[in-house]
C-alpha atoms as a PDB file:
ATOM      1  CA  MET A   1    -131.286  68.313  -6.221  1.00  0.00           C
ATOM      2  CA  TYR A   2    -127.876  69.469  -7.436  1.00  0.00           C
ATOM      3  CA  GLU A   3    -127.851  72.714  -9.395  1.00  0.00           C
ATOM      4  CA  ARG A   4    -124.918  73.106 -11.732  1.00  0.00           C
ATOM      5  CA  PRO A   5    -123.242  76.490 -11.198  1.00  0.00           C
ATOM      6  CA  VAL A   6    -122.939  79.008 -13.985  1.00  0.00           C
ATOM      7  CA  TYR A   7    -119.426  79.186 -15.423  1.00  0.00           C
ATOM      8  CA  PRO A   8    -117.822  81.648 -17.791  1.00  0.00           C
ATOM      9  CA  GLU A   9    -118.616  80.822 -21.410  1.00  0.00           C
ATOM     10  CA  GLY A  10    -116.794  77.660 -22.484  1.00  0.00           C
ATOM     11  CA  MET A  11    -115.498  76.716 -19.016  1.00  0.00           C
ATOM     12  CA  ILE A  12    -116.457  73.019 -19.068  1.00  0.00           C
ATOM     13  CA  ARG A  13    -118.478  71.574 -21.919  1.00  0.00           C
ATOM     14  CA  LEU A  14    -119.067  68.085 -23.189  1.00  0.00           C
ATOM     15  CA  ARG A  15    -117.010  67.148 -26.236  1.00  0.00           C
ATOM     16  CA  GLN A  16    -114.714  70.132 -25.634  1.00  0.00           C
ATOM     17  CA  PRO A  17    -111.214  70.101 -24.112  1.00  0.00           C
ATOM     18  CA  LEU A  18    -111.059  70.523 -20.365  1.00  0.00           C
ATOM     19  CA  PRO A  19    -109.918  74.071 -19.622  1.00  0.00           C
ATOM     20  CA  PRO A  20    -106.255  74.188 -18.632  1.00  0.00           C
ATOM     21  CA  CYS A  21    -105.961  74.679 -14.921  1.00  0.00           C
ATOM     22  CA  THR A  22    -103.586  73.863 -12.119  1.00  0.00           C
ATOM     23  CA  LEU A  23    -104.562  71.701  -9.164  1.00  0.00           C
ATOM     24  CA  LEU A  24    -102.474  70.696  -6.176  1.00  0.00           C
ATOM     25  CA  ARG A  25    -101.345  67.437  -4.654  1.00  0.00           C
ATOM     26  CA  PRO A  26    -101.214  67.197  -0.882  1.00  0.00           C
ATOM     27  CA  GLY A  27     -97.916  68.782   0.065  1.00  0.00           C
ATOM     28  CA  GLY A  28     -98.262  71.588  -2.467  1.00  0.00           C
ATOM     29  CA  GLU A  29     -96.961  70.026  -5.705  1.00  0.00           C
ATOM     30  CA  ARG A  30     -98.732  71.640  -8.658  1.00  0.00           C
ATOM     31  CA  VAL A  31    -100.459  69.495 -11.290  1.00  0.00           C
ATOM     32  CA  TYR A  32    -101.171  71.236 -14.578  1.00  0.00           C
ATOM     33  CA  LEU A  33    -104.023  69.262 -16.165  1.00  0.00           C
ATOM     34  CA  PRO A  34    -102.683  69.466 -19.763  1.00  0.00           C
ATOM     35  CA  ASP A  35     -99.593  67.595 -18.516  1.00  0.00           C
ATOM     36  CA  LEU A  36    -101.872  64.576 -17.927  1.00  0.00           C
ATOM     37  CA  LYS A  37    -102.591  64.113 -21.642  1.00  0.00           C
ATOM     38  CA  GLY A  38    -101.889  60.669 -23.042  1.00  0.00           C
ATOM     39  CA  LYS A  39    -104.289  58.648 -20.881  1.00  0.00           C
ATOM     40  CA  PRO A  40    -107.972  59.156 -20.130  1.00  0.00           C
ATOM     41  CA  LEU A  41    -108.695  61.235 -17.033  1.00  0.00           C
ATOM     42  CA  VAL A  42    -111.258  60.441 -14.338  1.00  0.00           C
ATOM     43  CA  LEU A  43    -111.994  62.963 -11.600  1.00  0.00           C
ATOM     44  CA  GLY A  44    -114.423  61.815  -8.918  1.00  0.00           C
ATOM     45  CA  ARG A  45    -115.651  63.789  -5.965  1.00  0.00           C
ATOM     46  CA  ASP A  46    -117.092  61.197  -3.567  1.00  0.00           C
ATOM     47  CA  GLU A  47    -115.367  58.783  -1.213  1.00  0.00           C
ATOM     48  CA  ALA A  48    -117.651  55.845  -2.153  1.00  0.00           C
ATOM     49  CA  LEU A  49    -116.875  56.212  -5.853  1.00  0.00           C
ATOM     50  CA  ALA A  50    -113.165  56.669  -5.073  1.00  0.00           C
ATOM     51  CA  GLU A  51    -113.173  53.421  -3.069  1.00  0.00           C
ATOM     52  CA  ALA A  52    -114.855  51.538  -5.908  1.00  0.00           C
ATOM     53  CA  LEU A  53    -112.496  52.989  -8.527  1.00  0.00           C
ATOM     54  CA  ALA A  54    -109.432  52.192  -6.386  1.00  0.00           C
ATOM     55  CA  LYS A  55    -110.328  48.483  -6.695  1.00  0.00           C
ATOM     56  CA  GLU A  56    -110.374  48.683 -10.500  1.00  0.00           C
ATOM     57  CA  ALA A  57    -107.377  48.284 -12.791  1.00  0.00           C
ATOM     58  CA  LEU A  58    -108.189  51.305 -14.928  1.00  0.00           C
ATOM     59  CA  GLU A  59    -105.971  52.493 -17.762  1.00  0.00           C
ATOM     60  CA  ALA A  60    -106.620  56.124 -16.816  1.00  0.00           C
ATOM     61  CA  HIS A  61    -105.361  58.873 -14.576  1.00  0.00           C
ATOM     62  CA  THR A  62    -107.881  58.510 -11.753  1.00  0.00           C
ATOM     63  CA  PHE A  63    -108.119  60.995  -8.886  1.00  0.00           C
ATOM     64  CA  LEU A  64    -110.365  62.039  -6.057  1.00  0.00           C
ATOM     65  CA  LEU A  65    -110.953  65.774  -6.323  1.00  0.00           C
ATOM     66  CA  ALA A  66    -111.397  67.721  -3.075  1.00  0.00           C
ATOM     67  CA  GLU A  67    -111.096  71.262  -1.755  1.00  0.00           C
ATOM     68  CA  GLY A  68    -108.830  70.225   1.109  1.00  0.00           C
ATOM     69  CA  GLU A  69    -106.650  67.372   2.251  1.00  0.00           C
ATOM     70  CA  ARG A  70    -108.472  64.252   3.411  1.00  0.00           C
ATOM     71  CA  PRO A  71    -107.918  60.503   3.442  1.00  0.00           C
ATOM     72  CA  SER A  72    -108.388  59.007  -0.002  1.00  0.00           C
ATOM     73  CA  PRO A  73    -108.113  55.539  -1.553  1.00  0.00           C
ATOM     74  CA  LEU A  74    -107.130  57.259  -4.831  1.00  0.00           C
ATOM     75  CA  PRO A  75    -104.476  59.874  -5.477  1.00  0.00           C
ATOM     76  CA  LEU A  76    -105.886  63.178  -4.268  1.00  0.00           C
ATOM     77  CA  LEU A  77    -106.003  66.376  -6.301  1.00  0.00           C
ATOM     78  CA  LEU A  78    -106.856  69.553  -4.433  1.00  0.00           C
ATOM     79  CA  ASP A  79    -109.059  72.237  -5.929  1.00  0.00           C
ATOM     80  CA  PRO A  80    -108.957  74.827  -3.111  1.00  0.00           C
ATOM     81  CA  GLU A  81    -111.207  77.270  -4.951  1.00  0.00           C
ATOM     82  CA  GLY A  82    -113.641  74.507  -5.930  1.00  0.00           C
ATOM     83  CA  THR A  83    -113.724  75.523  -9.598  1.00  0.00           C
ATOM     84  CA  LEU A  84    -113.760  72.006 -11.076  1.00  0.00           C
ATOM     85  CA  LEU A  85    -115.273  70.456  -7.975  1.00  0.00           C
ATOM     86  CA  ARG A  86    -118.463  72.508  -8.329  1.00  0.00           C
ATOM     87  CA  ALA A  87    -118.856  71.291 -11.921  1.00  0.00           C
ATOM     88  CA  ILE A  88    -119.127  67.663 -10.801  1.00  0.00           C
ATOM     89  CA  PRO A  89    -122.381  66.772  -9.025  1.00  0.00           C
ATOM     90  CA  PRO A  90    -122.374  64.713  -5.821  1.00  0.00           C
ATOM     91  CA  GLY A  91    -121.997  61.066  -6.793  1.00  0.00           C
ATOM     92  CA  GLY A  92    -120.584  62.166 -10.116  1.00  0.00           C
ATOM     93  CA  ALA A  93    -117.416  62.119 -12.142  1.00  0.00           C
ATOM     94  CA  LEU A  94    -115.694  63.875 -14.992  1.00  0.00           C
ATOM     95  CA  VAL A  95    -114.358  61.515 -17.668  1.00  0.00           C
ATOM     96  CA  ALA A  96    -112.087  62.876 -20.401  1.00  0.00           C
ATOM     97  CA  ASP A  97    -110.294  61.182 -23.271  1.00  0.00           C
ATOM     98  CA  PRO A  98    -106.468  61.075 -23.645  1.00  0.00           C
ATOM     99  CA  PHE A  99    -106.597  64.557 -25.211  1.00  0.00           C
ATOM    100  CA  LEU A 100    -108.649  65.807 -22.215  1.00  0.00           C
ATOM    101  CA  GLU A 101    -111.842  66.210 -24.229  1.00  0.00           C
ATOM    102  CA  VAL A 102    -114.734  65.879 -21.762  1.00  0.00           C
ATOM    103  CA  TYR A 103    -117.007  62.924 -22.555  1.00  0.00           C
ATOM    104  CA  HIS A 104    -118.930  62.704 -19.299  1.00  0.00           C
ATOM    105  CA  LEU A 105    -119.655  65.266 -16.607  1.00  0.00           C
ATOM    106  CA  GLY A 106    -122.373  64.164 -14.242  1.00  0.00           C
ATOM    107  CA  GLU A 107    -123.664  61.514 -11.916  1.00  0.00           C
ATOM    108  CA  VAL A 108    -122.481  57.924 -12.300  1.00  0.00           C
ATOM    109  CA  ALA A 109    -124.045  54.727 -10.997  1.00  0.00           C
ATOM    110  CA  GLY A 110    -120.665  53.471  -9.816  1.00  0.00           C
ATOM    111  CA  ALA A 111    -117.336  52.157 -11.038  1.00  0.00           C
ATOM    112  CA  GLU A 112    -119.078  50.055 -13.708  1.00  0.00           C
ATOM    113  CA  GLU A 113    -120.402  53.168 -15.408  1.00  0.00           C
ATOM    114  CA  VAL A 114    -116.975  54.813 -15.300  1.00  0.00           C
ATOM    115  CA  ARG A 115    -115.537  51.647 -16.897  1.00  0.00           C
ATOM    116  CA  ALA A 116    -118.218  51.879 -19.614  1.00  0.00           C
ATOM    117  CA  TRP A 117    -117.203  55.469 -20.389  1.00  0.00           C
ATOM    118  CA  LEU A 118    -113.554  54.418 -20.555  1.00  0.00           C
ATOM    119  CA  ALA A 119    -114.487  51.524 -22.879  1.00  0.00           C
ATOM    120  CA  LEU A 120    -116.225  54.021 -25.153  1.00  0.00           C
ATOM    121  CA  LEU A 121    -113.084  56.160 -25.206  1.00  0.00           C
ATOM    122  CA  GLU A 122    -110.926  53.133 -25.974  1.00  0.00           C
ATOM    123  CA  ALA A 123    -113.180  52.243 -28.922  1.00  0.00           C
ATOM    124  CA  GLN A 124    -112.772  55.724 -30.397  1.00  0.00           C
ATOM    125  CA  CYS A 125    -110.147  56.570 -32.947  1.00  0.00           C
ATOM    126  CA  PRO A 126    -109.458  59.989 -34.504  1.00  0.00           C
ATOM    127  CA  GLU A 127    -110.468  58.742 -37.956  1.00  0.00           C
ATOM    128  CA  CYS A 128    -113.711  57.041 -36.922  1.00  0.00           C
ATOM    129  CA  VAL A 129    -115.367  58.988 -34.110  1.00  0.00           C
ATOM    130  CA  VAL A 130    -119.022  58.018 -33.667  1.00  0.00           C
ATOM    131  CA  PRO A 131    -121.283  61.047 -34.269  1.00  0.00           C
ATOM    132  CA  GLU A 132    -122.699  62.441 -31.018  1.00  0.00           C
ATOM    133  CA  GLY A 133    -126.303  61.640 -31.913  1.00  0.00           C
ATOM    134  CA  GLU A 134    -125.476  57.936 -32.136  1.00  0.00           C
ATOM    135  CA  TRP A 135    -123.907  57.502 -28.697  1.00  0.00           C
ATOM    136  CA  PHE A 136    -126.038  59.724 -26.468  1.00  0.00           C
END
């Protein structure tokens, strides 16, 4: 069973903005997560999920997150210290809205579930957000 590590207060929480951090692309280019605002963000950590997501036409920034370089069917983001990687359980994903507010952080049944989370985000609007108790 996966045990979620303890993070400093407010590190990664549902319905809160993803903490600003810098990840790397293979080759050393830095990617500052707040620069990805404007489209939903999907960070997966497993090859099987990455393969399934690579076959989808998702309107989201979609990456495989890893500690080191490895082959990937999706664009790869490196988290050498494993800070974000440890927050995502095996077989899981982080899904954030276009403002990088975290809507899902946990296991997913596959690409279909990621698509369902993205559909939920697409249905949201700043003026008419569904109260949390109605969508959990």
